[in-house]
Amino acid sequence: MTRRPRRLLLTHDRRVLLLTGLAGLLPTALVVVLLWSGGYAPRTVWTLGAFVTGWWLLFAFSARETVARPLQTLSNLLGALREGDFSFRARAGRDHGPLGDALRELNALADTLREERLGALEAGALLQRVMGEIDVAVFAFDGEGRLRLVNRAGEALLGRPVEQLLDRVAPELGLGEILEGAAPRLLDAAFAGGAGRYEVRHGTFRQDGRPHRLVVLSDLSRTLREEERAAWQRLIRVMGHELNNSLAPIRSIATSLEALVGRDPRPADAEADLTRGLAVIASRAESLGRFMDAYARLARLPPPQRRPLAVGDLVRRVAGMETRAPVAVHPGPDVEVHADPDQMELVLINLVKNAAEASLESGGGVTVGWSAVARPAAVELWVDDEGPGPPDAGNLFVPFFTTKPKGSGIGLVLSRQIVEAHGGSLTLAAHRRGRGSRAALRLPRPAKASKR
């Protein structure tokens, strides 16, 4: 094989030098020829020829340097940016030409990259801090199923330090089942760091152009235990309060009656005292029985039996039942919801009853209305009263809390429990347009259950 002759490659600065040299070659040669043919002395010819030639070469090398030095500066700046060093800046000076514009734009690019680099570093530090502090196990696997990232909660869950976890495949870590199946889902699993019920969530992301899988394990057992403990504490506190309210007078009266029966001779009014004492004991026992029945109603609420329910018919029917205060119906669109008619009627009766009792104090009335909400598809019912306004918002939905002398304190609690079982919400707040309060009930409706 014959080798091709190596082509002489000229750099940019050498091409500039060559072009400027060629540009000055003809004028310099012409000047030298004119000097030789002009009849000048040889000394003069050589002196002027040397001067012209030197000026020509000086101009050529100066032009080369003028072009090469800014390019070297640009090269150094770009190299620094590539290496991640954003401290270098070019001096554009008063040059408002293309070169000055290029240098200023390069400095602006360096400032922008520096800010983005600092932002990325701060965001990365924040992410590391958040991942370290959250009580949720986070794992990241690469395309080959090897662990690339784990937080402290993940280390604690697997019972091993991060050095023993990275670069291992999921089955070796006991996470093979975690990566399989749909997500989110609940999973009962046992790990070195503990056993319980976990919520599994998957996600994907790309790092260095390669796909990775993100797995998040949330321990629900501890949260459920804490909620269960809090519920038991509230239950015991409420029941203990009611039991003490009933048993304390029963105990006191029983002691007094025992002393009265043991006296000899008995006082003249002993029979009347015995009758009154036994009546008080019977009354407190009956009150305690009503309290236990009310609590049983909360615990035995059946699941809703859903079927199509016309909202307008429900509102008009319940409004006609109330006779203590005038009830005005603010008509809305003809819509339906899928709900349990009996349970929803009970909710609306409770709300209208509370509004009527609140309005009796001021001699006002009650307004009931409804409207359709487009996104998300829902129906909102409201009951407005003209009373003094709702009591302490923190106790509105606390079981057995009531401001009425003969109230049971379970009406709002039972109503909200029914509404939430239907996937809705119930709120009670002061009316924004004046005195009184508004009970707002929102129920979801199927997308096709729109206006007819």
Protein backbone atom coordinates (compact mmCIF):
# COMPACT_ATOMS: atom_id res chain seq x y z
CA MET A 1 0.00 0.00 0.00
CA THR A 2 1.23 3.43 -0.83
CA ARG A 3 1.06 6.03 1.84
CA ARG A 4 -0.61 9.24 1.11
CA PRO A 5 1.66 12.21 1.62
CA ARG A 6 0.96 13.92 4.94
CA ARG A 7 -0.87 17.15 4.33
CA LEU A 8 0.68 20.16 5.95
CA LEU A 9 -1.84 21.51 8.42
CA LEU A 10 -1.68 25.19 9.20
CA THR A 11 -3.13 26.50 12.41
CA HIS A 12 -5.37 29.57 12.38
CA ASP A 13 -2.65 31.92 13.63
CA ARG A 14 -0.18 30.63 11.02
CA ARG A 15 -2.74 31.15 8.28
CA VAL A 16 -3.19 34.73 9.45
CA LEU A 17 0.60 35.18 9.42
CA LEU A 18 0.83 33.68 5.93
CA LEU A 19 -1.97 35.87 4.56
CA THR A 20 -0.56 39.07 6.03
CA GLY A 21 2.91 38.09 4.75
CA LEU A 22 1.61 37.49 1.25
CA ALA A 23 -0.33 40.75 1.40
CA GLY A 24 2.87 42.70 2.13
CA LEU A 25 5.24 40.69 -0.11
CA LEU A 26 4.38 42.40 -3.40
CA PRO A 27 4.57 46.00 -2.09
CA THR A 28 7.88 45.24 -0.32
CA ALA A 29 9.38 43.66 -3.43
CA LEU A 30 8.19 46.62 -5.53
CA VAL A 31 9.83 49.06 -3.13
CA VAL A 32 13.13 47.14 -3.28
CA VAL A 33 13.05 47.03 -7.08
CA LEU A 34 12.42 50.76 -7.28
CA LEU A 35 15.29 51.44 -4.92
CA TRP A 36 17.75 49.39 -7.01
CA SER A 37 16.63 50.99 -10.24
CA GLY A 38 16.58 54.53 -8.89
CA GLY A 39 20.31 55.04 -8.96
CA TYR A 40 20.66 55.24 -5.18
CA ALA A 41 23.85 54.32 -3.43
CA PRO A 42 24.05 50.66 -2.33
CA ARG A 43 24.19 51.71 1.33
CA THR A 44 20.96 53.64 0.96
CA VAL A 45 19.31 50.80 -0.95
CA TRP A 46 20.24 48.21 1.70
CA THR A 47 19.20 50.47 4.56
CA LEU A 48 15.78 51.35 3.12
CA GLY A 49 15.23 47.75 1.94
CA ALA A 50 16.01 46.41 5.41
CA PHE A 51 13.69 48.99 6.98
CA VAL A 52 10.80 48.18 4.62
CA THR A 53 11.30 44.43 5.03
CA GLY A 54 11.50 44.73 8.82
CA TRP A 55 8.35 46.84 8.94
CA TRP A 56 6.59 44.30 6.74
CA LEU A 57 7.56 41.37 9.00
CA LEU A 58 6.72 43.32 12.18
CA PHE A 59 3.27 44.11 10.82
CA ALA A 60 2.67 40.46 9.85
CA PHE A 61 3.66 39.08 13.28
CA SER A 62 1.69 41.83 15.07
CA ALA A 63 -1.42 40.93 13.10
CA ARG A 64 -0.87 37.27 13.99
CA GLU A 65 -0.53 38.13 17.69
CA THR A 66 -3.61 40.39 17.61
CA VAL A 67 -5.73 37.53 16.28
CA ALA A 68 -4.17 34.69 18.30
CA ARG A 69 -4.19 36.24 21.80
CA PRO A 70 -8.01 36.78 22.09
CA LEU A 71 -8.53 33.26 20.75
CA GLN A 72 -6.17 31.90 23.41
CA THR A 73 -8.14 33.83 26.04
CA LEU A 74 -11.41 32.37 24.76
CA SER A 75 -9.88 28.91 24.72
CA ASN A 76 -8.67 29.25 28.32
CA LEU A 77 -12.08 30.49 29.48
CA LEU A 78 -13.94 27.68 27.74
CA GLY A 79 -11.51 25.15 29.18
CA ALA A 80 -12.09 26.53 32.67
CA LEU A 81 -15.86 26.33 32.18
CA ARG A 82 -15.55 22.76 30.97
CA GLU A 83 -13.55 21.88 34.10
CA GLY A 84 -16.14 23.56 36.31
CA ASP A 85 -14.00 26.57 37.26
CA PHE A 86 -16.22 29.64 36.95
CA SER A 87 -13.84 32.16 38.55
CA PHE A 88 -12.04 33.22 35.33
CA ARG A 89 -13.26 36.30 33.48
CA ALA A 90 -12.14 37.92 30.22
CA ARG A 91 -11.31 41.65 30.00
CA ALA A 92 -13.43 43.17 27.29
CA GLY A 93 -12.36 46.71 28.14
CA ARG A 94 -13.82 49.43 25.92
CA ASP A 95 -13.95 47.20 22.90
CA HIS A 96 -17.51 47.45 21.61
CA GLY A 97 -16.85 45.46 18.47
CA PRO A 98 -17.58 41.81 17.78
CA LEU A 99 -14.63 40.59 19.87
CA GLY A 100 -15.71 42.66 22.89
CA ASP A 101 -19.28 41.40 22.52
CA ALA A 102 -18.03 37.80 22.37
CA LEU A 103 -15.94 38.25 25.54
CA ARG A 104 -18.82 39.89 27.42
CA GLU A 105 -21.21 37.15 26.40
CA LEU A 106 -18.69 34.56 27.57
CA ASN A 107 -18.43 36.30 30.94
CA ALA A 108 -22.23 36.35 31.20
CA LEU A 109 -22.29 32.64 30.36
CA ALA A 110 -19.75 32.00 33.13
CA ASP A 111 -21.92 33.93 35.62
CA THR A 112 -25.02 31.98 34.58
CA LEU A 113 -23.25 28.63 34.83
CA ARG A 114 -21.85 29.59 38.22
CA GLU A 115 -25.31 30.46 39.54
CA GLU A 116 -26.75 27.24 38.13
CA ARG A 117 -23.90 25.24 39.63
CA LEU A 118 -24.46 26.82 43.04
CA GLY A 119 -28.20 26.21 42.74
CA ALA A 120 -27.60 22.59 41.81
CA LEU A 121 -25.21 22.13 44.73
CA GLU A 122 -27.65 23.72 47.16
CA ALA A 123 -30.53 21.67 45.77
CA GLY A 124 -28.44 18.51 46.03
CA ALA A 125 -27.47 19.33 49.62
CA LEU A 126 -31.12 20.01 50.48
CA LEU A 127 -32.18 16.74 48.85
CA GLN A 128 -29.55 14.82 50.81
CA ARG A 129 -30.68 16.50 54.02
CA VAL A 130 -34.34 15.77 53.36
CA MET A 131 -33.65 12.16 52.44
CA GLY A 132 -31.61 11.77 55.60
CA GLU A 133 -34.29 13.26 57.83
CA ILE A 134 -37.48 11.73 56.44
CA ASP A 135 -38.73 8.58 58.12
CA VAL A 136 -39.34 6.83 54.80
CA ALA A 137 -37.02 4.26 53.21
CA VAL A 138 -35.82 5.38 49.76
CA PHE A 139 -33.92 3.12 47.33
CA ALA A 140 -32.66 3.83 43.82
CA PHE A 141 -31.72 0.98 41.45
CA ASP A 142 -30.01 1.23 38.08
CA GLY A 143 -31.04 -0.54 34.91
CA GLU A 144 -29.30 -3.74 36.03
CA GLY A 145 -31.18 -3.82 39.32
CA ARG A 146 -28.20 -2.77 41.46
CA LEU A 147 -28.67 -0.42 44.37
CA ARG A 148 -27.16 3.01 43.72
CA LEU A 149 -28.75 5.16 46.42
CA VAL A 150 -30.21 4.59 49.88
CA ASN A 151 -31.05 6.94 52.74
CA ARG A 152 -30.64 6.44 56.47
CA ALA A 153 -34.18 5.09 56.88
CA GLY A 154 -33.37 2.48 54.23
CA GLU A 155 -30.19 1.52 56.08
CA ALA A 156 -32.13 1.12 59.31
CA LEU A 157 -34.82 -0.93 57.56
CA LEU A 158 -32.29 -3.36 56.07
CA GLY A 159 -30.14 -3.34 59.21
CA ARG A 160 -26.85 -2.75 57.37
CA PRO A 161 -24.66 0.28 56.67
CA VAL A 162 -24.62 1.86 53.23
CA GLU A 163 -21.19 0.40 52.41
CA GLN A 164 -22.67 -3.11 52.55
CA LEU A 165 -25.73 -2.21 50.48
CA LEU A 166 -24.52 -0.34 47.41
CA ASP A 167 -23.88 -2.24 44.17
CA ARG A 168 -25.94 -5.21 45.36
CA VAL A 169 -28.92 -6.50 43.42
CA ALA A 170 -32.42 -6.34 44.88
CA PRO A 171 -32.83 -10.09 45.66
CA GLU A 172 -29.63 -10.04 47.74
CA LEU A 173 -31.11 -7.25 49.83
CA GLY A 174 -34.50 -8.93 50.24
CA LEU A 175 -36.14 -6.33 48.01
CA GLY A 176 -36.84 -8.52 44.99
CA GLU A 177 -40.55 -8.69 45.75
CA ILE A 178 -40.62 -4.93 46.22
CA LEU A 179 -39.58 -4.24 42.63
CA GLU A 180 -42.24 -6.56 41.23
CA GLY A 181 -45.94 -5.87 41.00
CA ALA A 182 -48.07 -2.78 40.68
CA ALA A 183 -47.67 0.35 42.75
CA PRO A 184 -48.81 1.91 44.94
CA ARG A 185 -49.81 -1.11 47.01
CA LEU A 186 -49.75 -2.38 50.57
CA LEU A 187 -47.33 -5.15 51.51
CA ASP A 188 -46.78 -7.13 54.70
CA ALA A 189 -43.05 -7.80 54.90
CA ALA A 190 -40.31 -8.51 57.42
CA PHE A 191 -36.84 -6.97 57.21
CA ALA A 192 -33.81 -7.01 59.45
CA GLY A 193 -34.82 -3.63 60.85
CA GLY A 194 -38.42 -4.58 61.57
CA ALA A 195 -41.61 -6.14 60.27
CA GLY A 196 -44.98 -4.60 59.52
CA ARG A 197 -47.23 -3.25 56.82
CA TYR A 198 -45.61 -1.02 54.21
CA GLU A 199 -46.87 1.11 51.37
CA VAL A 200 -44.79 0.54 48.24
CA ARG A 201 -44.40 3.24 45.60
CA HIS A 202 -42.33 3.12 42.40
CA GLY A 203 -40.95 5.83 40.15
CA THR A 204 -38.42 6.27 37.36
CA PHE A 205 -35.76 8.89 36.74
CA ARG A 206 -32.67 9.29 34.58
CA GLN A 207 -29.15 9.90 35.77
CA ASP A 208 -26.21 10.31 33.39
CA GLY A 209 -28.64 9.48 30.60
CA ARG A 210 -29.47 6.05 32.06
CA PRO A 211 -32.85 4.99 33.48
CA HIS A 212 -33.13 4.29 37.21
CA ARG A 213 -35.96 3.04 39.39
CA LEU A 214 -36.92 4.76 42.62
CA VAL A 215 -38.59 2.69 45.35
CA VAL A 216 -40.18 4.25 48.43
CA LEU A 217 -41.28 2.17 51.43
CA SER A 218 -43.51 3.82 54.03
CA ASP A 219 -43.99 2.00 57.32
CA LEU A 220 -47.72 2.23 58.02
CA SER A 221 -47.68 0.03 61.11
CA ARG A 222 -46.22 2.65 63.41
CA THR A 223 -48.56 5.36 62.09
CA LEU A 224 -51.54 3.06 62.52
CA ARG A 225 -50.44 2.16 66.05
CA GLU A 226 -50.05 5.82 66.95
CA GLU A 227 -53.47 6.67 65.52
CA GLU A 228 -54.98 3.69 67.31
CA ARG A 229 -53.34 4.75 70.58
CA ALA A 230 -54.60 8.31 70.15
CA ALA A 231 -58.11 7.03 69.40
CA TRP A 232 -58.08 4.85 72.51
CA GLN A 233 -56.87 7.78 74.60
CA ARG A 234 -59.66 10.00 73.32
CA LEU A 235 -62.19 7.23 73.87
CA ILE A 236 -61.03 6.57 77.43
CA ARG A 237 -60.93 10.30 78.21
CA VAL A 238 -64.48 10.89 76.98
CA MET A 239 -65.92 7.74 78.55
CA GLY A 240 -64.09 8.37 81.81
CA HIS A 241 -65.48 11.90 81.95
CA GLU A 242 -69.04 10.75 81.37
CA LEU A 243 -68.76 7.80 83.75
CA ASN A 244 -67.40 10.02 86.50
CA ASN A 245 -70.20 12.53 85.92
CA SER A 246 -72.73 9.76 86.47
CA LEU A 247 -71.01 7.58 89.07
CA ALA A 248 -69.89 10.38 91.38
CA PRO A 249 -73.41 11.54 92.33
CA ILE A 250 -74.63 7.93 92.43
CA ARG A 251 -71.84 7.04 94.86
CA SER A 252 -72.51 10.09 97.02
CA ILE A 253 -76.27 9.58 97.16
CA ALA A 254 -75.86 5.84 97.80
CA THR A 255 -73.60 6.59 100.74
CA SER A 256 -76.09 9.10 102.13
CA LEU A 257 -78.99 6.68 101.71
CA GLU A 258 -77.01 3.91 103.40
CA ALA A 259 -76.38 6.16 106.37
CA LEU A 260 -80.03 7.18 106.40
CA VAL A 261 -81.24 3.57 106.40
CA GLY A 262 -78.85 2.70 109.26
CA ARG A 263 -80.15 5.43 111.55
CA ASP A 264 -82.43 4.37 114.41
CA PRO A 265 -84.85 5.91 114.80
CA ARG A 266 -85.27 7.22 111.25
CA PRO A 267 -86.13 10.89 110.66
CA ALA A 268 -89.69 11.79 109.78
CA ASP A 269 -88.76 12.73 106.21
CA ALA A 270 -86.68 9.58 105.64
CA GLU A 271 -89.13 8.15 103.11
CA ALA A 272 -89.10 11.36 101.05
CA ASP A 273 -85.28 11.47 101.13
CA LEU A 274 -85.09 7.85 100.03
CA THR A 275 -87.51 8.50 97.17
CA ARG A 276 -85.59 11.56 95.98
CA GLY A 277 -82.22 9.78 96.23
CA LEU A 278 -83.42 6.72 94.32
CA ALA A 279 -84.91 9.00 91.67
CA VAL A 280 -81.57 10.75 91.21
CA ILE A 281 -79.78 7.39 90.96
CA ALA A 282 -82.31 6.19 88.34
CA SER A 283 -81.93 9.44 86.39
CA ARG A 284 -78.14 9.24 86.31
CA ALA A 285 -78.26 5.53 85.36
CA GLU A 286 -80.67 6.37 82.51
CA SER A 287 -78.35 9.18 81.34
CA LEU A 288 -75.41 6.82 81.40
CA GLY A 289 -77.39 4.30 79.37
CA ARG A 290 -78.23 6.95 76.75
CA PHE A 291 -74.56 7.85 76.57
CA MET A 292 -73.55 4.23 75.92
CA ASP A 293 -76.31 3.86 73.30
CA ALA A 294 -75.07 6.98 71.52
CA TYR A 295 -71.54 5.66 71.45
CA ALA A 296 -72.80 2.34 70.11
CA ARG A 297 -74.55 4.19 67.27
CA LEU A 298 -71.22 5.71 66.21
CA ALA A 299 -69.52 2.31 66.30
CA ARG A 300 -72.27 0.42 64.45
CA LEU A 301 -72.73 2.75 61.47
CA PRO A 302 -73.40 0.41 58.51
CA PRO A 303 -71.73 0.92 55.12
CA PRO A 304 -73.78 3.06 52.72
CA GLN A 305 -76.15 1.33 50.30
CA ARG A 306 -75.62 3.55 47.25
CA ARG A 307 -78.18 4.23 44.56
CA PRO A 308 -79.14 7.26 42.45
CA LEU A 309 -80.45 10.06 44.65
CA ALA A 310 -82.01 13.28 43.34
CA VAL A 311 -80.54 16.11 45.39
CA GLY A 312 -83.45 18.49 44.82
CA ASP A 313 -86.06 15.98 46.04
CA LEU A 314 -83.98 15.25 49.14
CA VAL A 315 -83.61 18.93 50.06
CA ARG A 316 -87.30 19.75 49.55
CA ARG A 317 -88.39 16.69 51.55
CA VAL A 318 -86.18 17.50 54.54
CA ALA A 319 -87.05 21.21 54.41
CA GLY A 320 -90.72 20.34 54.71
CA MET A 321 -90.11 18.34 57.90
CA GLU A 322 -88.84 21.30 59.95
CA THR A 323 -91.60 23.31 61.68
CA ARG A 324 -89.78 25.23 64.40
CA ALA A 325 -88.27 27.83 62.06
CA PRO A 326 -89.05 28.89 58.49
CA VAL A 327 -86.90 27.00 55.97
CA ALA A 328 -86.34 28.54 52.53
CA VAL A 329 -85.09 26.40 49.66
CA HIS A 330 -82.65 28.00 47.25
CA PRO A 331 -83.11 25.86 44.13
CA GLY A 332 -80.12 24.53 42.21
CA PRO A 333 -79.52 22.38 39.13
CA ASP A 334 -81.26 19.05 38.64
CA VAL A 335 -78.44 16.68 39.63
CA GLU A 336 -78.09 13.23 41.14
CA VAL A 337 -75.52 11.56 43.38
CA HIS A 338 -74.89 7.91 44.16
CA ALA A 339 -75.55 7.76 47.91
CA ASP A 340 -77.51 6.01 50.63
CA PRO A 341 -80.87 7.88 50.75
CA ASP A 342 -81.57 7.03 54.40
CA GLN A 343 -78.15 8.07 55.64
CA MET A 344 -78.06 11.28 53.59
CA GLU A 345 -81.54 12.18 54.82
CA LEU A 346 -80.33 11.68 58.39
CA VAL A 347 -77.37 14.00 57.73
CA LEU A 348 -79.51 16.74 56.22
CA ILE A 349 -82.10 16.44 59.01
CA ASN A 350 -79.36 16.92 61.61
CA LEU A 351 -77.98 19.98 59.82
CA VAL A 352 -81.40 21.61 59.32
CA LYS A 353 -82.34 20.82 62.91
CA ASN A 354 -79.19 22.45 64.25
CA ALA A 355 -79.73 25.50 62.02
CA ALA A 356 -83.34 25.85 63.15
CA GLU A 357 -82.41 25.64 66.84
CA ALA A 358 -79.68 28.25 66.32
CA SER A 359 -82.07 30.59 64.49
CA LEU A 360 -84.74 30.39 67.21
CA GLU A 361 -82.64 32.63 69.49
CA SER A 362 -82.78 35.51 67.00
CA GLY A 363 -86.12 34.76 65.40
CA GLY A 364 -84.46 34.19 62.03
CA GLY A 365 -84.86 31.50 59.44
CA VAL A 366 -82.93 28.77 57.63
CA THR A 367 -81.88 28.62 53.98
CA VAL A 368 -81.00 25.35 52.24
CA GLY A 369 -79.52 25.18 48.74
CA TRP A 370 -77.24 23.24 46.46
CA SER A 371 -75.04 23.72 43.40
CA ALA A 372 -73.00 21.62 41.00
CA VAL A 373 -69.20 21.76 40.96
CA ALA A 374 -67.50 20.96 37.66
CA ARG A 375 -63.94 20.08 38.72
CA PRO A 376 -63.86 17.75 40.43
CA ALA A 377 -67.38 16.60 39.67
CA ALA A 378 -69.29 17.13 42.90
CA VAL A 379 -72.49 18.50 44.43
CA GLU A 380 -72.31 21.03 47.26
CA LEU A 381 -75.23 21.48 49.66
CA TRP A 382 -75.33 24.23 52.23
CA VAL A 383 -77.51 25.06 55.21
CA ASP A 384 -77.43 28.68 56.43
CA ASP A 385 -78.84 29.86 59.75
CA GLU A 386 -79.27 33.30 61.34
CA GLY A 387 -78.11 32.34 64.80
CA PRO A 388 -75.17 33.58 66.91
CA GLY A 389 -72.58 31.61 64.91
CA PRO A 390 -70.79 28.32 65.52
CA PRO A 391 -69.07 27.57 68.85
CA ASP A 392 -65.39 26.76 69.26
CA ALA A 393 -64.26 25.29 65.92
CA GLY A 394 -61.80 22.95 67.63
CA ASN A 395 -64.63 21.06 69.40
CA LEU A 396 -67.32 21.02 66.71
CA PHE A 397 -66.70 17.42 65.67
CA VAL A 398 -65.56 16.07 69.06
CA PRO A 399 -67.90 13.28 70.17
CA PHE A 400 -70.41 14.32 72.87
CA PHE A 401 -69.35 17.97 72.78
CA THR A 402 -72.48 20.14 72.77
CA THR A 403 -73.55 23.64 73.78
CA LYS A 404 -77.24 22.68 74.05
CA PRO A 405 -78.71 21.88 77.46
CA LYS A 406 -80.29 18.65 76.18
CA GLY A 407 -77.94 17.92 73.28
CA SER A 408 -76.24 14.54 72.82
CA GLY A 409 -73.14 15.80 71.02
CA ILE A 410 -73.16 13.10 68.35
CA GLY A 411 -75.22 14.72 65.58
CA LEU A 412 -72.34 16.47 63.79
CA VAL A 413 -69.95 13.61 64.45
CA LEU A 414 -72.35 11.06 63.03
CA SER A 415 -73.12 13.31 60.05
CA ARG A 416 -69.47 13.78 59.16
CA GLN A 417 -68.84 10.06 59.55
CA ILE A 418 -71.65 9.34 57.08
CA VAL A 419 -70.46 11.96 54.59
CA GLU A 420 -66.85 10.76 54.70
CA ALA A 421 -68.05 7.18 54.14
CA HIS A 422 -69.52 8.52 50.88
CA GLY A 423 -66.18 10.09 49.93
CA GLY A 424 -67.33 13.63 50.73
CA SER A 425 -66.65 16.32 53.31
CA LEU A 426 -68.62 18.33 55.88
CA THR A 427 -67.62 21.70 57.34
CA LEU A 428 -69.28 24.20 59.68
CA ALA A 429 -68.06 27.79 59.84
CA ALA A 430 -69.27 31.34 60.39
CA HIS A 431 -71.17 32.78 57.46
CA ARG A 432 -69.05 35.12 55.36
CA ARG A 433 -71.93 37.45 54.48
CA GLY A 434 -73.06 38.28 58.00
CA ARG A 435 -74.25 36.67 61.19
CA GLY A 436 -75.02 33.01 61.54
CA SER A 437 -73.16 29.96 60.29
CA ARG A 438 -73.03 27.77 57.20
CA ALA A 439 -72.85 23.99 57.11
CA ALA A 440 -71.35 22.95 53.76
CA LEU A 441 -71.65 19.36 52.56
CA ARG A 442 -69.83 18.20 49.42
CA LEU A 443 -70.48 14.84 47.75
CA PRO A 444 -68.75 13.45 44.66
CA ARG A 445 -70.87 12.65 41.64
CA PRO A 446 -70.16 10.55 38.56
CA ALA A 447 -68.84 12.45 35.57
CA LYS A 448 -71.97 11.56 33.57
CA ALA A 449 -74.31 12.60 36.33
CA SER A 450 -74.49 16.17 35.08
CA LYS A 451 -77.41 18.45 34.44
CA ARG A 452 -80.37 16.76 32.80
